[in-house]
Amino acid sequence: MSKVETLSTKTKIGLKEFLLQLQKLTKTKFSGCIEIQVNNHENWTLFLRLGRLSWSDGGTNSGERWRRNLQLFVPKLNATELKNIASLEDSNQRCNTLVQLLDQGLIQRQQLTEFILTFSSEILFDVIQSSQINRNSLSYEIIRDDLTNKSALLLPMVEVIPTLKQTLKTWQQWQNQGLGIYSPNLFPIITQPELISNQIFSGNQSSIIALIDGMHSLRSLAIKTRLDIVPLIQFLLPLAKQQAIKFSQVSRNQKSSIFPPGQDQSKKNLIACVDDSAGVCRGLKKIIDAQGYDFVGIQDPLKALPSFLKNKPDLIFLDLVMPITNGYELCTQLRKTPSLTTTPVVILTGKEGLVDRMRAKMVGANDFLSKPVKVSELIKVLNKNLSQSIQDKSK
């Protein structure tokens, strides 16, 4: 076995000195790992083989990065497999899993190379940004011929210098747009939906708003909306200044902000929709799923009541105009059913008349939502009525 040698720089240095050291290790075809720390609290590890990157890991968002890239580059994984693999926290286990996925044909070698390149680029960006914000606070330890992560030896390698140059270019562009203090790993969270509902958004902007649930980072939102991350965050910053949203450094389940202390947070709210239009049900499902809730769509109004008695939804959307029965009649039936008397009901309609709104209130509806449904309005209605429902149940 090769002898393991370490070379440490405990003195805090600047980014430039570290990058010069990294280039030197590349030119000398270094094999081993570099353990990096910034400001005594955030750590990353770069694994090099013959001067090229074979794996990188670490940072406060390590788990989110791992899950996000698994979803992006290994789409063949089913939900159970993804959940089990995404829960891995140990770097050695992650490397071993990637090797197994390659052997099983669930990821091609080119895809795996892109996976490692993306992973490494993000980590280098985070190291650069953190060291620039916390100047002269970077330290590192070089471990030569480190064999503790043998699986990294079986992974494809990417060139350090081209990857580093591209990452520095990305960082420079990020700074030039005035985003230097904003990490792309932040999680936007809607704090005041009423401020959002009063604004008009484009299609792309509405798609972004619909996905904000406290569990998608800025990088994740960019991937899911297929938008460049710079204009995406530039769209969100004015909303943050208005305090309509806030940025969190850690992911959180949006439901935890709605449930009162002591209430079971493991159970997702179930949102039901009764509408004879399959398109309307699909549209609502997409938005509601993104908010972290369960959804059931019912197109036959005659099947609605039996379904509600069985599944006990936490909020119900009712279309006003349907064959056989209408939203008013169905709402009246719900209010006569003991287990559904306090369940929030929102009437969906393309009509804007005052008479319709008054009649909806008379039969026990809690709210009114116009079609076509606007994302911001839907989120506002969800938050308002779910919060009120939980308050009523906790009394």
Protein backbone atom coordinates (compact mmCIF):
# COMPACT_ATOMS: atom_id res chain seq x y z
CA MET A 1 0.00 0.00 0.00
CA SER A 2 1.23 3.46 -0.81
CA LYS A 3 2.25 5.64 2.08
CA VAL A 4 -0.26 8.35 2.92
CA GLU A 5 1.27 11.79 3.31
CA THR A 6 -0.43 14.95 4.42
CA LEU A 7 0.35 18.57 3.81
CA SER A 8 -1.71 21.08 5.75
CA THR A 9 -2.12 24.83 5.50
CA LYS A 10 -3.82 25.83 8.74
CA THR A 11 -3.05 29.51 8.25
CA LYS A 12 -6.01 31.31 6.71
CA ILE A 13 -5.27 32.26 3.12
CA GLY A 14 -7.02 33.96 0.23
CA LEU A 15 -8.67 32.33 -2.76
CA LYS A 16 -5.83 33.21 -5.14
CA GLU A 17 -3.24 31.31 -3.11
CA PHE A 18 -5.44 28.24 -2.96
CA LEU A 19 -6.17 28.24 -6.70
CA LEU A 20 -2.45 28.48 -7.45
CA GLN A 21 -1.90 25.43 -5.23
CA LEU A 22 -4.70 23.55 -6.99
CA GLN A 23 -3.16 24.29 -10.40
CA LYS A 24 0.21 23.13 -9.12
CA LEU A 25 -1.26 19.81 -7.97
CA THR A 26 -2.89 19.40 -11.38
CA LYS A 27 0.38 19.97 -13.27
CA THR A 28 2.26 17.50 -11.04
CA LYS A 29 -0.46 14.85 -11.67
CA PHE A 30 -1.30 14.66 -7.99
CA SER A 31 -3.32 11.71 -6.66
CA GLY A 32 -5.11 12.05 -3.34
CA CYS A 33 -7.63 14.43 -1.84
CA ILE A 34 -7.81 18.06 -0.78
CA GLU A 35 -9.92 18.88 2.25
CA ILE A 36 -11.02 22.53 2.20
CA GLN A 37 -12.50 24.63 4.98
CA VAL A 38 -13.78 28.20 4.90
CA ASN A 39 -14.44 30.27 8.00
CA ASN A 40 -14.11 27.18 10.24
CA HIS A 41 -17.60 25.89 9.47
CA GLU A 42 -18.03 24.80 5.85
CA ASN A 43 -16.04 21.89 4.43
CA TRP A 44 -15.52 20.35 1.00
CA THR A 45 -13.36 17.52 -0.34
CA LEU A 46 -11.87 17.24 -3.84
CA PHE A 47 -10.60 13.83 -4.95
CA LEU A 48 -7.90 13.94 -7.63
CA ARG A 49 -6.37 11.13 -9.64
CA LEU A 50 -3.32 11.89 -11.76
CA GLY A 51 -4.13 15.58 -11.57
CA ARG A 52 -7.77 15.23 -12.63
CA LEU A 53 -10.98 15.41 -10.62
CA SER A 54 -12.68 12.07 -9.99
CA TRP A 55 -15.11 13.17 -7.27
CA SER A 56 -16.07 16.14 -5.09
CA ASP A 57 -18.39 16.43 -2.14
CA GLY A 58 -19.28 18.49 0.92
CA GLY A 59 -20.81 21.83 1.75
CA THR A 60 -23.92 22.65 3.74
CA ASN A 61 -26.16 21.71 0.78
CA SER A 62 -24.49 18.37 0.02
CA GLY A 63 -27.71 16.35 0.36
CA GLU A 64 -29.77 18.66 -1.85
CA ARG A 65 -27.08 18.66 -4.54
CA TRP A 66 -26.87 14.84 -4.45
CA ARG A 67 -30.65 14.36 -4.77
CA ARG A 68 -31.06 17.00 -7.45
CA ASN A 69 -28.36 15.58 -9.70
CA LEU A 70 -29.58 12.01 -9.23
CA GLN A 71 -32.99 13.12 -10.52
CA LEU A 72 -31.37 14.97 -13.42
CA PHE A 73 -28.84 12.39 -14.59
CA VAL A 74 -30.41 9.07 -13.49
CA PRO A 75 -34.06 9.41 -14.56
CA LYS A 76 -34.44 5.60 -14.75
CA LEU A 77 -34.53 5.33 -10.95
CA ASN A 78 -38.00 4.60 -9.59
CA ALA A 79 -39.34 6.56 -6.62
CA THR A 80 -38.26 4.01 -4.00
CA GLU A 81 -34.77 3.62 -5.43
CA LEU A 82 -34.35 7.39 -5.65
CA LYS A 83 -35.49 7.87 -2.07
CA ASN A 84 -33.08 5.22 -0.73
CA ILE A 85 -30.09 6.41 -2.73
CA ALA A 86 -30.80 10.10 -2.11
CA SER A 87 -30.67 9.48 1.65
CA LEU A 88 -26.99 8.45 1.49
CA GLU A 89 -24.80 10.96 3.31
CA ASP A 90 -21.40 9.27 3.29
CA SER A 91 -19.19 10.30 0.36
CA ASN A 92 -17.73 6.80 -0.04
CA GLN A 93 -21.22 5.29 -0.24
CA ARG A 94 -22.25 7.83 -2.87
CA CYS A 95 -19.22 7.00 -5.02
CA ASN A 96 -19.86 3.28 -4.64
CA THR A 97 -23.51 3.80 -5.62
CA LEU A 98 -22.53 5.69 -8.79
CA VAL A 99 -20.22 2.81 -9.77
CA GLN A 100 -23.08 0.34 -9.19
CA LEU A 101 -25.50 2.44 -11.25
CA LEU A 102 -22.95 2.46 -14.07
CA ASP A 103 -22.52 -1.32 -13.87
CA GLN A 104 -26.32 -1.81 -13.90
CA GLY A 105 -26.72 0.37 -16.98
CA LEU A 106 -28.93 2.89 -15.14
CA ILE A 107 -26.49 5.63 -16.10
CA GLN A 108 -24.18 5.79 -19.11
CA ARG A 109 -20.51 6.72 -18.74
CA GLN A 110 -21.01 10.02 -20.58
CA GLN A 111 -23.92 10.89 -18.26
CA LEU A 112 -21.78 9.98 -15.25
CA THR A 113 -19.00 12.23 -16.52
CA GLU A 114 -21.49 15.10 -16.83
CA PHE A 115 -22.78 14.27 -13.34
CA ILE A 116 -19.27 14.58 -11.87
CA LEU A 117 -18.55 17.72 -13.89
CA THR A 118 -21.74 19.41 -12.67
CA PHE A 119 -21.10 18.31 -9.09
CA SER A 120 -17.50 19.56 -9.18
CA SER A 121 -18.42 22.86 -10.84
CA GLU A 122 -21.04 23.60 -8.20
CA ILE A 123 -18.63 22.80 -5.37
CA LEU A 124 -15.86 24.93 -6.87
CA PHE A 125 -18.36 27.78 -7.27
CA ASP A 126 -19.37 27.43 -3.60
CA VAL A 127 -15.73 27.40 -2.47
CA ILE A 128 -15.00 30.52 -4.55
CA GLN A 129 -18.08 32.39 -3.34
CA SER A 130 -17.63 31.47 0.31
CA SER A 131 -13.94 32.39 0.30
CA GLN A 132 -14.68 35.72 -1.41
CA ILE A 133 -17.37 36.62 1.10
CA ASN A 134 -15.20 35.48 4.03
CA ARG A 135 -11.87 36.86 2.80
CA ASN A 136 -8.62 35.24 3.88
CA SER A 137 -10.50 32.53 5.78
CA LEU A 138 -9.70 29.47 3.65
CA SER A 139 -7.52 26.62 4.88
CA TYR A 140 -6.83 23.24 3.34
CA GLU A 141 -5.22 19.88 3.94
CA ILE A 142 -3.65 17.79 1.18
CA ILE A 143 -3.67 14.02 1.64
CA ARG A 144 -1.49 12.24 -0.91
CA ASP A 145 -2.42 8.81 -2.24
CA ASP A 146 -5.58 8.74 -0.15
CA LEU A 147 -7.14 5.28 -0.58
CA THR A 148 -10.04 5.68 1.83
CA ASN A 149 -12.43 6.26 -1.09
CA LYS A 150 -11.51 3.43 -3.47
CA SER A 151 -14.73 3.80 -5.47
CA ALA A 152 -13.56 7.22 -6.64
CA LEU A 153 -10.80 5.42 -8.54
CA LEU A 154 -13.46 3.77 -10.74
CA LEU A 155 -15.29 6.97 -11.66
CA PRO A 156 -14.66 9.00 -14.83
CA MET A 157 -12.27 11.94 -14.44
CA VAL A 158 -12.70 15.56 -15.50
CA GLU A 159 -10.00 18.11 -16.21
CA VAL A 160 -9.37 20.57 -13.40
CA ILE A 161 -8.11 23.65 -15.28
CA PRO A 162 -10.94 23.94 -17.88
CA THR A 163 -13.54 23.28 -15.16
CA LEU A 164 -11.94 25.87 -12.89
CA LYS A 165 -11.75 28.49 -15.67
CA GLN A 166 -15.42 28.03 -16.56
CA THR A 167 -16.44 28.20 -12.90
CA LEU A 168 -14.44 31.41 -12.38
CA LYS A 169 -16.14 32.86 -15.46
CA THR A 170 -19.55 31.91 -14.03
CA TRP A 171 -18.64 33.49 -10.71
CA GLN A 172 -17.51 36.69 -12.44
CA GLN A 173 -20.83 36.89 -14.31
CA TRP A 174 -22.65 36.27 -11.03
CA GLN A 175 -20.76 39.16 -9.41
CA ASN A 176 -21.27 41.46 -12.39
CA GLN A 177 -25.03 41.07 -11.96
CA GLY A 178 -24.76 42.18 -8.33
CA LEU A 179 -25.48 38.69 -6.97
CA GLY A 180 -22.21 38.15 -5.09
CA ILE A 181 -23.82 37.77 -1.67
CA TYR A 182 -26.60 35.45 -2.88
CA SER A 183 -25.86 31.73 -2.94
CA PRO A 184 -27.52 29.70 -5.73
CA ASN A 185 -28.16 27.10 -3.02
CA LEU A 186 -30.72 29.28 -1.20
CA PHE A 187 -34.33 28.08 -0.85
CA PRO A 188 -36.99 30.71 -1.62
CA ILE A 189 -40.10 30.57 0.58
CA ILE A 190 -43.36 32.48 0.09
CA THR A 191 -44.07 34.49 3.25
CA GLN A 192 -46.83 36.86 2.15
CA PRO A 193 -48.92 35.32 -0.66
CA GLU A 194 -51.27 38.30 -0.69
CA LEU A 195 -48.42 40.50 -1.96
CA ILE A 196 -47.82 38.05 -4.80
CA SER A 197 -51.49 37.68 -5.72
CA ASN A 198 -51.73 41.41 -6.44
CA GLN A 199 -49.09 41.23 -9.17
CA ILE A 200 -49.21 40.14 -12.81
CA PHE A 201 -46.58 37.62 -13.94
CA SER A 202 -45.52 36.18 -17.27
CA GLY A 203 -45.88 32.48 -18.00
CA ASN A 204 -42.30 31.67 -16.96
CA GLN A 205 -42.60 33.78 -13.83
CA SER A 206 -45.84 32.04 -12.85
CA SER A 207 -44.08 28.69 -13.28
CA ILE A 208 -41.38 29.82 -10.85
CA ILE A 209 -43.94 31.00 -8.29
CA ALA A 210 -45.82 27.71 -8.54
CA LEU A 211 -42.71 25.73 -7.61
CA ILE A 212 -41.70 27.80 -4.58
CA ASP A 213 -42.36 25.57 -1.59
CA GLY A 214 -39.25 25.89 0.57
CA MET A 215 -37.94 22.58 -0.75
CA HIS A 216 -36.56 23.73 -4.12
CA SER A 217 -33.27 25.60 -4.18
CA LEU A 218 -32.56 28.29 -6.77
CA ARG A 219 -30.52 25.73 -8.72
CA SER A 220 -33.42 23.29 -8.59
CA LEU A 221 -35.93 25.92 -9.75
CA ALA A 222 -33.67 26.76 -12.70
CA ILE A 223 -33.58 23.10 -13.75
CA LYS A 224 -37.31 22.50 -13.34
CA THR A 225 -38.33 25.67 -15.20
CA ARG A 226 -35.51 25.30 -17.77
CA LEU A 227 -34.50 28.89 -17.14
CA ASP A 228 -31.07 30.41 -16.63
CA ILE A 229 -30.47 30.89 -12.91
CA VAL A 230 -29.36 34.56 -13.23
CA PRO A 231 -32.65 35.99 -14.62
CA LEU A 232 -34.50 33.62 -12.28
CA ILE A 233 -32.95 35.11 -9.13
CA GLN A 234 -33.20 38.63 -10.60
CA PHE A 235 -36.96 38.06 -10.87
CA LEU A 236 -37.16 36.88 -7.24
CA LEU A 237 -35.03 39.60 -5.63
CA PRO A 238 -37.67 42.39 -5.92
CA LEU A 239 -40.20 40.00 -4.33
CA ALA A 240 -37.74 39.44 -1.48
CA LYS A 241 -37.34 43.21 -1.02
CA GLN A 242 -41.13 43.48 -0.81
CA GLN A 243 -40.98 40.69 1.82
CA ALA A 244 -43.34 38.60 -0.28
CA ILE A 245 -40.71 35.84 -0.18
CA LYS A 246 -37.61 35.14 1.84
CA PHE A 247 -34.48 33.07 1.22
CA SER A 248 -33.51 30.27 3.57
CA GLN A 249 -30.14 28.52 3.77
CA VAL A 250 -31.79 25.19 4.51
CA SER A 251 -34.63 23.29 2.93
CA ARG A 252 -37.82 23.01 4.89
CA ASN A 253 -41.17 21.35 4.41
CA GLN A 254 -43.71 24.10 3.79
CA LYS A 255 -46.27 22.25 5.88
CA SER A 256 -44.25 22.87 9.04
CA SER A 257 -45.06 26.58 8.79
CA ILE A 258 -48.78 25.82 8.68
CA PHE A 259 -49.17 23.12 11.33
CA PRO A 260 -49.44 24.38 14.92
CA PRO A 261 -47.02 22.96 17.57
CA GLY A 262 -47.78 19.39 18.55
CA GLN A 263 -49.76 18.54 15.41
CA ASP A 264 -48.63 15.62 13.27
CA GLN A 265 -46.50 17.00 10.42
CA SER A 266 -45.95 13.62 8.77
CA LYS A 267 -49.45 13.69 7.27
CA LYS A 268 -49.75 15.79 4.12
CA ASN A 269 -52.78 17.96 3.54
CA LEU A 270 -55.10 16.42 0.94
CA ILE A 271 -56.61 18.82 -1.58
CA ALA A 272 -59.59 17.62 -3.64
CA CYS A 273 -61.01 19.06 -6.84
CA VAL A 274 -64.37 18.23 -8.43
CA ASP A 275 -64.42 19.44 -12.03
CA ASP A 276 -65.66 17.67 -15.13
CA SER A 277 -62.67 19.09 -17.05
CA ALA A 278 -59.62 16.80 -17.01
CA GLY A 279 -57.48 19.78 -18.04
CA VAL A 280 -58.51 21.82 -15.00
CA CYS A 281 -57.76 18.88 -12.68
CA ARG A 282 -54.34 18.36 -14.27
CA GLY A 283 -53.52 22.06 -13.98
CA LEU A 284 -54.46 22.22 -10.31
CA LYS A 285 -52.62 18.99 -9.55
CA LYS A 286 -49.37 20.36 -11.01
CA ILE A 287 -49.53 23.51 -8.86
CA ILE A 288 -50.72 21.77 -5.70
CA ASP A 289 -48.13 18.98 -5.97
CA ALA A 290 -45.42 21.64 -6.20
CA GLN A 291 -46.67 23.13 -2.92
CA GLY A 292 -46.07 19.81 -1.15
CA TYR A 293 -49.69 18.68 -0.78
CA ASP A 294 -51.49 15.52 -1.91
CA PHE A 295 -54.16 15.91 -4.58
CA VAL A 296 -57.20 13.98 -5.79
CA GLY A 297 -59.15 15.00 -8.89
CA ILE A 298 -62.75 13.86 -9.42
CA GLN A 299 -64.48 14.41 -12.77
CA ASP A 300 -67.76 12.66 -11.94
CA PRO A 301 -69.61 14.77 -9.31
CA LEU A 302 -71.70 11.73 -8.27
CA LYS A 303 -68.50 10.07 -7.01
CA ALA A 304 -67.41 13.11 -5.00
CA LEU A 305 -69.22 12.53 -1.70
CA PRO A 306 -68.23 8.83 -1.33
CA SER A 307 -64.63 9.82 -2.09
CA PHE A 308 -64.68 12.63 0.49
CA LEU A 309 -66.11 10.34 3.18
CA LYS A 310 -63.34 7.85 2.53
CA ASN A 311 -60.35 10.18 2.06
CA LYS A 312 -61.37 13.17 4.24
CA PRO A 313 -59.78 16.01 2.23
CA ASP A 314 -58.53 19.12 4.04
CA LEU A 315 -59.80 21.49 1.32
CA ILE A 316 -62.22 21.03 -1.58
CA PHE A 317 -62.43 22.88 -4.90
CA LEU A 318 -65.85 22.64 -6.59
CA ASP A 319 -66.58 23.60 -10.18
CA LEU A 320 -69.71 25.73 -10.37
CA VAL A 321 -71.06 24.37 -13.66
CA MET A 322 -71.09 20.58 -14.15
CA PRO A 323 -73.45 18.05 -15.73
CA ILE A 324 -76.02 16.29 -13.51
CA THR A 325 -75.31 18.51 -10.49
CA ASN A 326 -73.67 21.88 -9.92
CA GLY A 327 -71.26 23.24 -7.34
CA TYR A 328 -74.02 24.85 -5.26
CA GLU A 329 -75.94 21.59 -4.90
CA LEU A 330 -72.83 19.60 -4.08
CA CYS A 331 -71.70 22.16 -1.52
CA THR A 332 -75.13 21.98 0.15
CA GLN A 333 -74.75 18.19 0.44
CA LEU A 334 -71.29 18.58 1.97
CA ARG A 335 -72.54 20.98 4.62
CA LYS A 336 -75.24 18.46 5.61
CA THR A 337 -72.59 15.74 6.08
CA PRO A 338 -71.32 15.81 9.72
CA SER A 339 -67.68 14.96 8.91
CA LEU A 340 -67.50 17.64 6.18
CA THR A 341 -69.37 20.57 7.73
CA THR A 342 -66.17 22.54 8.48
CA THR A 343 -64.04 21.41 5.52
CA PRO A 344 -63.10 24.52 3.48
CA VAL A 345 -64.88 24.64 0.11
CA VAL A 346 -63.73 26.90 -2.72
CA ILE A 347 -66.01 27.43 -5.72
CA LEU A 348 -64.31 27.41 -9.15
CA THR A 349 -66.04 29.41 -11.87
CA GLY A 350 -65.54 31.48 -14.96
CA LYS A 351 -68.26 33.86 -13.78
CA GLU A 352 -67.49 37.05 -11.85
CA GLY A 353 -71.05 38.00 -10.85
CA LEU A 354 -71.90 39.24 -7.36
CA VAL A 355 -75.01 37.05 -7.31
CA ASP A 356 -72.91 33.93 -7.82
CA ARG A 357 -70.60 34.91 -4.99
CA MET A 358 -73.52 35.60 -2.64
CA ARG A 359 -75.17 32.31 -3.52
CA ALA A 360 -71.89 30.45 -2.95
CA LYS A 361 -71.66 31.97 0.53
CA MET A 362 -75.28 31.06 1.26
CA VAL A 363 -74.69 27.34 0.58
CA GLY A 364 -71.61 27.32 2.82
CA ALA A 365 -68.68 27.93 0.47
CA ASN A 366 -65.63 29.55 2.09
CA ASP A 367 -64.09 31.16 -0.96
CA PHE A 368 -64.38 31.85 -4.67
CA LEU A 369 -61.67 31.33 -7.34
CA SER A 370 -62.02 32.50 -10.92
CA LYS A 371 -61.04 30.41 -13.97
CA PRO A 372 -58.63 30.30 -15.66
CA VAL A 373 -56.84 29.84 -12.36
CA LYS A 374 -53.87 32.12 -11.66
CA VAL A 375 -51.03 30.46 -9.77
CA SER A 376 -50.59 33.31 -7.30
CA GLU A 377 -54.32 33.42 -6.54
CA LEU A 378 -54.45 29.66 -6.01
CA ILE A 379 -51.53 29.74 -3.57
CA LYS A 380 -53.19 32.59 -1.68
CA VAL A 381 -56.47 30.64 -1.40
CA LEU A 382 -54.64 27.49 -0.28
CA ASN A 383 -52.69 29.22 2.47
CA LYS A 384 -55.65 31.25 3.69
CA ASN A 385 -58.15 28.40 3.93
CA LEU A 386 -55.79 25.68 5.17
CA SER A 387 -54.50 27.95 7.92
CA GLN A 388 -58.06 28.80 8.98
CA SER A 389 -59.09 25.13 8.85
CA ILE A 390 -56.23 24.08 11.12
CA GLN A 391 -56.97 26.90 13.56
CA ASP A 392 -60.62 25.74 13.72
CA LYS A 393 -59.56 22.12 14.36
CA SER A 394 -57.14 23.13 17.10
CA LYS A 395 -59.78 25.04 19.10
